């Protein structure tokens, strides 16, 4: 899923089915690759990642909110 805010900033939520057993509480992993920040976690039967431009201040909050809704 891709979202664009009023300023044109794009944030994406991607998921992929997994066979790994998820932790009781999601553990968020952060990394930056080629100017994009990634916040990933495993929940239910899927691995998730939120991707946005590097240094986007709300990316962790977006990932946490998505994890609560999934």
PDB file of N, CA and C in Angstrom:
ATOM      1  N   UNK A   1       0.845  -1.162   0.000  1.00  0.00           N
ATOM      2  CA  UNK A   1       0.000   0.000   0.000  1.00  0.00           C
ATOM      3  C   UNK A   1       0.892   1.227   0.000  1.00  0.00           C
ATOM      4  N   UNK A   2       0.532   2.218  -0.798  1.00  0.00           N
ATOM      5  CA  UNK A   2       1.313   3.455  -0.849  1.00  0.00           C
ATOM      6  C   UNK A   2       0.416   4.633  -0.504  1.00  0.00           C
ATOM      7  N   UNK A   3       0.969   5.542   0.276  1.00  0.00           N
ATOM      8  CA  UNK A   3       0.255   6.741   0.681  1.00  0.00           C
ATOM      9  C   UNK A   3       1.088   7.956   0.321  1.00  0.00           C
ATOM     10  N   UNK A   4       0.423   9.005  -0.139  1.00  0.00           N
ATOM     11  CA  UNK A   4       1.099  10.264  -0.474  1.00  0.00           C
ATOM     12  C   UNK A   4       0.426  11.369   0.334  1.00  0.00           C
ATOM     13  N   UNK A   5       1.225  12.146   1.088  1.00  0.00           N
ATOM     14  CA  UNK A   5       0.639  13.234   1.856  1.00  0.00           C
ATOM     15  C   UNK A   5       0.493  14.485   0.993  1.00  0.00           C
ATOM     16  N   UNK A   6      -0.004  15.550   1.576  1.00  0.00           N
ATOM     17  CA  UNK A   6      -0.266  16.783   0.830  1.00  0.00           C
ATOM     18  C   UNK A   6       0.996  17.381   0.220  1.00  0.00           C
ATOM     19  N   UNK A   7       2.160  17.094   0.810  1.00  0.00           N
ATOM     20  CA  UNK A   7       3.429  17.602   0.290  1.00  0.00           C
ATOM     21  C   UNK A   7       4.050  16.680  -0.751  1.00  0.00           C
ATOM     22  N   UNK A   8       3.384  15.566  -1.051  1.00  0.00           N
ATOM     23  CA  UNK A   8       3.885  14.627  -2.044  1.00  0.00           C
ATOM     24  C   UNK A   8       4.836  13.572  -1.499  1.00  0.00           C
ATOM     25  N   UNK A   9       5.011  13.529  -0.164  1.00  0.00           N
ATOM     26  CA  UNK A   9       5.883  12.527   0.446  1.00  0.00           C
ATOM     27  C   UNK A   9       5.167  11.177   0.411  1.00  0.00           C
ATOM     28  N   UNK A  10       5.868  10.151  -0.083  1.00  0.00           N
ATOM     29  CA  UNK A  10       5.282   8.815  -0.222  1.00  0.00           C
ATOM     30  C   UNK A  10       5.806   7.912   0.893  1.00  0.00           C
ATOM     31  N   UNK A  11       4.877   7.184   1.520  1.00  0.00           N
ATOM     32  CA  UNK A  11       5.198   6.160   2.516  1.00  0.00           C
ATOM     33  C   UNK A  11       4.501   4.886   2.063  1.00  0.00           C
ATOM     34  N   UNK A  12       5.211   3.756   2.131  1.00  0.00           N
ATOM     35  CA  UNK A  12       4.635   2.483   1.682  1.00  0.00           C
ATOM     36  C   UNK A  12       4.618   1.479   2.827  1.00  0.00           C
ATOM     37  N   UNK A  13       3.571   0.667   2.853  1.00  0.00           N
ATOM     38  CA  UNK A  13       3.467  -0.468   3.765  1.00  0.00           C
ATOM     39  C   UNK A  13       3.459  -1.716   2.901  1.00  0.00           C
ATOM     40  N   UNK A  14       4.438  -2.575   3.103  1.00  0.00           N
ATOM     41  CA  UNK A  14       4.548  -3.807   2.330  1.00  0.00           C
ATOM     42  C   UNK A  14       4.455  -4.996   3.278  1.00  0.00           C
ATOM     43  N   UNK A  15       3.952  -6.111   2.765  1.00  0.00           N
ATOM     44  CA  UNK A  15       3.882  -7.313   3.573  1.00  0.00           C
ATOM     45  C   UNK A  15       4.138  -8.533   2.718  1.00  0.00           C
ATOM     46  N   UNK A  16       4.592  -9.571   3.394  1.00  0.00           N
ATOM     47  CA  UNK A  16       4.886 -10.848   2.740  1.00  0.00           C
ATOM     48  C   UNK A  16       4.573 -11.948   3.737  1.00  0.00           C
ATOM     49  N   UNK A  17       3.888 -12.953   3.280  1.00  0.00           N
ATOM     50  CA  UNK A  17       3.562 -14.079   4.145  1.00  0.00           C
ATOM     51  C   UNK A  17       4.843 -14.753   4.628  1.00  0.00           C
ATOM     52  N   UNK A  18       4.815 -15.218   5.879  1.00  0.00           N
ATOM     53  CA  UNK A  18       5.985 -15.862   6.459  1.00  0.00           C
ATOM     54  C   UNK A  18       5.572 -17.148   7.161  1.00  0.00           C
ATOM     55  N   UNK A  19       6.537 -18.018   7.365  1.00  0.00           N
ATOM     56  CA  UNK A  19       6.273 -19.229   8.131  1.00  0.00           C
ATOM     57  C   UNK A  19       6.909 -19.134   9.518  1.00  0.00           C
ATOM     58  N   UNK A  20       7.562 -17.994   9.784  1.00  0.00           N
ATOM     59  CA  UNK A  20       8.182 -17.794  11.098  1.00  0.00           C
ATOM     60  C   UNK A  20       7.109 -17.568  12.158  1.00  0.00           C
ATOM     61  N   UNK A  21       7.394 -17.995  13.370  1.00  0.00           N
ATOM     62  CA  UNK A  21       6.496 -17.744  14.491  1.00  0.00           C
ATOM     63  C   UNK A  21       6.761 -16.331  14.995  1.00  0.00           C
ATOM     64  N   UNK A  22       5.719 -15.484  15.025  1.00  0.00           N
ATOM     65  CA  UNK A  22       5.942 -14.105  15.445  1.00  0.00           C
ATOM     66  C   UNK A  22       6.132 -14.009  16.961  1.00  0.00           C
ATOM     67  N   UNK A  23       6.860 -12.992  17.413  1.00  0.00           N
ATOM     68  CA  UNK A  23       6.988 -12.778  18.851  1.00  0.00           C
ATOM     69  C   UNK A  23       5.653 -12.310  19.430  1.00  0.00           C
ATOM     70  N   UNK A  24       5.479 -12.447  20.741  1.00  0.00           N
ATOM     71  CA  UNK A  24       4.242 -11.998  21.388  1.00  0.00           C
ATOM     72  C   UNK A  24       4.039 -10.496  21.192  1.00  0.00           C
ATOM     73  N   UNK A  25       5.119  -9.746  21.253  1.00  0.00           N
ATOM     74  CA  UNK A  25       5.083  -8.301  21.006  1.00  0.00           C
ATOM     75  C   UNK A  25       6.007  -8.014  19.835  1.00  0.00           C
ATOM     76  N   UNK A  26       5.501  -7.290  18.823  1.00  0.00           N
ATOM     77  CA  UNK A  26       6.363  -7.017  17.660  1.00  0.00           C
ATOM     78  C   UNK A  26       7.652  -6.292  18.046  1.00  0.00           C
ATOM     79  N   UNK A  27       8.742  -6.721  17.441  1.00  0.00           N
ATOM     80  CA  UNK A  27      10.027  -6.050  17.597  1.00  0.00           C
ATOM     81  C   UNK A  27      10.286  -5.290  16.306  1.00  0.00           C
ATOM     82  N   UNK A  28      10.452  -3.992  16.411  1.00  0.00           N
ATOM     83  CA  UNK A  28      10.659  -3.153  15.238  1.00  0.00           C
ATOM     84  C   UNK A  28      12.152  -3.039  14.955  1.00  0.00           C
ATOM     85  N   UNK A  29      12.513  -3.287  13.700  1.00  0.00           N
ATOM     86  CA  UNK A  29      13.904  -3.175  13.246  1.00  0.00           C
ATOM     87  C   UNK A  29      13.990  -2.006  12.281  1.00  0.00           C
ATOM     88  N   UNK A  30      15.003  -1.177  12.460  1.00  0.00           N
ATOM     89  CA  UNK A  30      15.162   0.008  11.620  1.00  0.00           C
ATOM     90  C   UNK A  30      16.459  -0.086  10.825  1.00  0.00           C
ATOM     91  N   UNK A  31      16.398   0.385   9.579  1.00  0.00           N
ATOM     92  CA  UNK A  31      17.612   0.505   8.773  1.00  0.00           C
ATOM     93  C   UNK A  31      17.384   1.535   7.683  1.00  0.00           C
ATOM     94  N   UNK A  32      18.483   2.042   7.157  1.00  0.00           N
ATOM     95  CA  UNK A  32      18.453   3.008   6.064  1.00  0.00           C
ATOM     96  C   UNK A  32      19.245   2.437   4.909  1.00  0.00           C
ATOM     97  N   UNK A  33      18.646   2.476   3.708  1.00  0.00           N
ATOM     98  CA  UNK A  33      19.307   1.984   2.503  1.00  0.00           C
ATOM     99  C   UNK A  33      19.060   2.995   1.381  1.00  0.00           C
ATOM    100  N   UNK A  34      20.124   3.497   0.797  1.00  0.00           N
ATOM    101  CA  UNK A  34      20.048   4.382  -0.378  1.00  0.00           C
ATOM    102  C   UNK A  34      19.023   5.508  -0.229  1.00  0.00           C
ATOM    103  N   UNK A  35      19.015   6.173   0.925  1.00  0.00           N
ATOM    104  CA  UNK A  35      18.152   7.332   1.112  1.00  0.00           C
ATOM    105  C   UNK A  35      16.735   7.014   1.554  1.00  0.00           C
ATOM    106  N   UNK A  36      16.455   5.760   1.900  1.00  0.00           N
ATOM    107  CA  UNK A  36      15.131   5.376   2.385  1.00  0.00           C
ATOM    108  C   UNK A  36      15.276   4.723   3.745  1.00  0.00           C
ATOM    109  N   UNK A  37      14.357   5.050   4.654  1.00  0.00           N
ATOM    110  CA  UNK A  37      14.307   4.408   5.961  1.00  0.00           C
ATOM    111  C   UNK A  37      13.295   3.276   5.920  1.00  0.00           C
ATOM    112  N   UNK A  38      13.624   2.194   6.603  1.00  0.00           N
ATOM    113  CA  UNK A  38      12.774   1.002   6.663  1.00  0.00           C
ATOM    114  C   UNK A  38      12.517   0.673   8.129  1.00  0.00           C
ATOM    115  N   UNK A  39      11.274   0.385   8.489  1.00  0.00           N
ATOM    116  CA  UNK A  39      10.923  -0.124   9.811  1.00  0.00           C
ATOM    117  C   UNK A  39      10.170  -1.423   9.565  1.00  0.00           C
ATOM    118  N   UNK A  40      10.712  -2.547  10.065  1.00  0.00           N
ATOM    119  CA  UNK A  40      10.112  -3.847   9.780  1.00  0.00           C
ATOM    120  C   UNK A  40       9.783  -4.591  11.070  1.00  0.00           C
ATOM    121  N   UNK A  41       8.840  -5.532  10.965  1.00  0.00           N
ATOM    122  CA  UNK A  41       8.448  -6.379  12.084  1.00  0.00           C
ATOM    123  C   UNK A  41       7.692  -7.584  11.543  1.00  0.00           C
ATOM    124  N   UNK A  42       7.507  -8.593  12.403  1.00  0.00           N
ATOM    125  CA  UNK A  42       6.736  -9.780  12.062  1.00  0.00           C
ATOM    126  C   UNK A  42       5.540  -9.853  13.002  1.00  0.00           C
ATOM    127  N   UNK A  43       4.372 -10.136  12.443  1.00  0.00           N
ATOM    128  CA  UNK A  43       3.146 -10.294  13.240  1.00  0.00           C
ATOM    129  C   UNK A  43       2.214 -11.231  12.492  1.00  0.00           C
ATOM    130  N   UNK A  44       1.478 -12.041  13.248  1.00  0.00           N
ATOM    131  CA  UNK A  44       0.570 -12.981  12.604  1.00  0.00           C
ATOM    132  C   UNK A  44       1.336 -13.888  11.671  1.00  0.00           C
ATOM    133  N   UNK A  45       0.886 -13.983  10.452  1.00  0.00           N
ATOM    134  CA  UNK A  45       1.545 -14.838   9.453  1.00  0.00           C
ATOM    135  C   UNK A  45       2.279 -14.031   8.394  1.00  0.00           C
ATOM    136  N   UNK A  46       2.743 -12.828   8.760  1.00  0.00           N
ATOM    137  CA  UNK A  46       3.384 -11.986   7.753  1.00  0.00           C
ATOM    138  C   UNK A  46       4.546 -11.176   8.325  1.00  0.00           C
ATOM    139  N   UNK A  47       5.468 -10.828   7.432  1.00  0.00           N
ATOM    140  CA  UNK A  47       6.516  -9.853   7.705  1.00  0.00           C
ATOM    141  C   UNK A  47       6.043  -8.540   7.100  1.00  0.00           C
ATOM    142  N   UNK A  48       6.246  -7.453   7.817  1.00  0.00           N
ATOM    143  CA  UNK A  48       5.806  -6.136   7.373  1.00  0.00           C
ATOM    144  C   UNK A  48       6.985  -5.188   7.324  1.00  0.00           C
ATOM    145  N   UNK A  49       6.898  -4.190   6.457  1.00  0.00           N
ATOM    146  CA  UNK A  49       7.887  -3.119   6.422  1.00  0.00           C
ATOM    147  C   UNK A  49       7.194  -1.832   5.980  1.00  0.00           C
ATOM    148  N   UNK A  50       7.511  -0.752   6.688  1.00  0.00           N
ATOM    149  CA  UNK A  50       7.083   0.589   6.296  1.00  0.00           C
ATOM    150  C   UNK A  50       8.317   1.270   5.735  1.00  0.00           C
ATOM    151  N   UNK A  51       8.175   1.871   4.569  1.00  0.00           N
ATOM    152  CA  UNK A  51       9.295   2.504   3.869  1.00  0.00           C
ATOM    153  C   UNK A  51       8.956   3.959   3.607  1.00  0.00           C
ATOM    154  N   UNK A  52       9.902   4.830   3.897  1.00  0.00           N
ATOM    155  CA  UNK A  52       9.711   6.253   3.637  1.00  0.00           C
ATOM    156  C   UNK A  52      11.040   6.916   3.368  1.00  0.00           C
ATOM    157  N   UNK A  53      11.002   8.192   3.009  1.00  0.00           N
ATOM    158  CA  UNK A  53      12.249   8.905   2.753  1.00  0.00           C
ATOM    159  C   UNK A  53      13.101   8.988   4.024  1.00  0.00           C
ATOM    160  N   UNK A  54      14.401   9.012   3.838  1.00  0.00           N
ATOM    161  CA  UNK A  54      15.323   9.077   4.970  1.00  0.00           C
ATOM    162  C   UNK A  54      15.004  10.280   5.855  1.00  0.00           C
ATOM    163  N   UNK A  55      15.048  10.045   7.170  1.00  0.00           N
ATOM    164  CA  UNK A  55      14.830  11.073   8.188  1.00  0.00           C
ATOM    165  C   UNK A  55      13.392  11.566   8.280  1.00  0.00           C
ATOM    166  N   UNK A  56      12.433  10.825   7.770  1.00  0.00           N
ATOM    167  CA  UNK A  56      11.024  11.176   7.967  1.00  0.00           C
ATOM    168  C   UNK A  56      10.719  10.989   9.450  1.00  0.00           C
ATOM    169  N   UNK A  57      10.337  12.044  10.174  1.00  0.00           N
ATOM    170  CA  UNK A  57      10.253  11.948  11.632  1.00  0.00           C
ATOM    171  C   UNK A  57       9.178  10.993  12.163  1.00  0.00           C
ATOM    172  N   UNK A  58       8.119  10.739  11.439  1.00  0.00           N
ATOM    173  CA  UNK A  58       7.009   9.940  11.952  1.00  0.00           C
ATOM    174  C   UNK A  58       7.019   8.488  11.505  1.00  0.00           C
ATOM    175  N   UNK A  59       8.067   8.012  10.868  1.00  0.00           N
ATOM    176  CA  UNK A  59       8.043   6.664  10.300  1.00  0.00           C
ATOM    177  C   UNK A  59       7.863   5.583  11.373  1.00  0.00           C
ATOM    178  N   UNK A  60       8.521   5.730  12.509  1.00  0.00           N
ATOM    179  CA  UNK A  60       8.344   4.754  13.589  1.00  0.00           C
ATOM    180  C   UNK A  60       6.912   4.777  14.113  1.00  0.00           C
ATOM    181  N   UNK A  61       6.339   5.942  14.259  1.00  0.00           N
ATOM    182  CA  UNK A  61       4.958   6.054  14.728  1.00  0.00           C
ATOM    183  C   UNK A  61       3.990   5.461  13.714  1.00  0.00           C
ATOM    184  N   UNK A  62       4.272   5.647  12.431  1.00  0.00           N
ATOM    185  CA  UNK A  62       3.435   5.055  11.381  1.00  0.00           C
ATOM    186  C   UNK A  62       3.499   3.541  11.467  1.00  0.00           C
ATOM    187  N   UNK A  63       4.694   2.991  11.640  1.00  0.00           N
ATOM    188  CA  UNK A  63       4.847   1.540  11.750  1.00  0.00           C
ATOM    189  C   UNK A  63       4.129   1.007  12.986  1.00  0.00           C
ATOM    190  N   UNK A  64       4.259   1.690  14.106  1.00  0.00           N
ATOM    191  CA  UNK A  64       3.596   1.261  15.343  1.00  0.00           C
ATOM    192  C   UNK A  64       2.078   1.292  15.190  1.00  0.00           C
ATOM    193  N   UNK A  65       1.554   2.329  14.545  1.00  0.00           N
ATOM    194  CA  UNK A  65       0.105   2.421  14.326  1.00  0.00           C
ATOM    195  C   UNK A  65      -0.368   1.323  13.390  1.00  0.00           C
ATOM    196  N   UNK A  66       0.407   1.049  12.351  1.00  0.00           N
ATOM    197  CA  UNK A  66       0.040  -0.038  11.412  1.00  0.00           C
ATOM    198  C   UNK A  66       0.040  -1.376  12.121  1.00  0.00           C
ATOM    199  N   UNK A  67       1.035  -1.613  12.984  1.00  0.00           N
ATOM    200  CA  UNK A  67       1.118  -2.881  13.712  1.00  0.00           C
ATOM    201  C   UNK A  67      -0.096  -3.076  14.617  1.00  0.00           C
ATOM    202  N   UNK A  68      -0.600  -2.014  15.203  1.00  0.00           N
ATOM    203  CA  UNK A  68      -1.789  -2.112  16.053  1.00  0.00           C
ATOM    204  C   UNK A  68      -3.046  -2.428  15.258  1.00  0.00           C
ATOM    205  N   UNK A  69      -3.111  -1.962  14.032  1.00  0.00           N
ATOM    206  CA  UNK A  69      -4.296  -2.141  13.197  1.00  0.00           C
ATOM    207  C   UNK A  69      -4.336  -3.481  12.479  1.00  0.00           C
ATOM    208  N   UNK A  70      -3.186  -4.114  12.343  1.00  0.00           N
ATOM    209  CA  UNK A  70      -3.113  -5.361  11.568  1.00  0.00           C
ATOM    210  C   UNK A  70      -3.537  -6.532  12.421  1.00  0.00           C
TER     211      UNK A  70
END
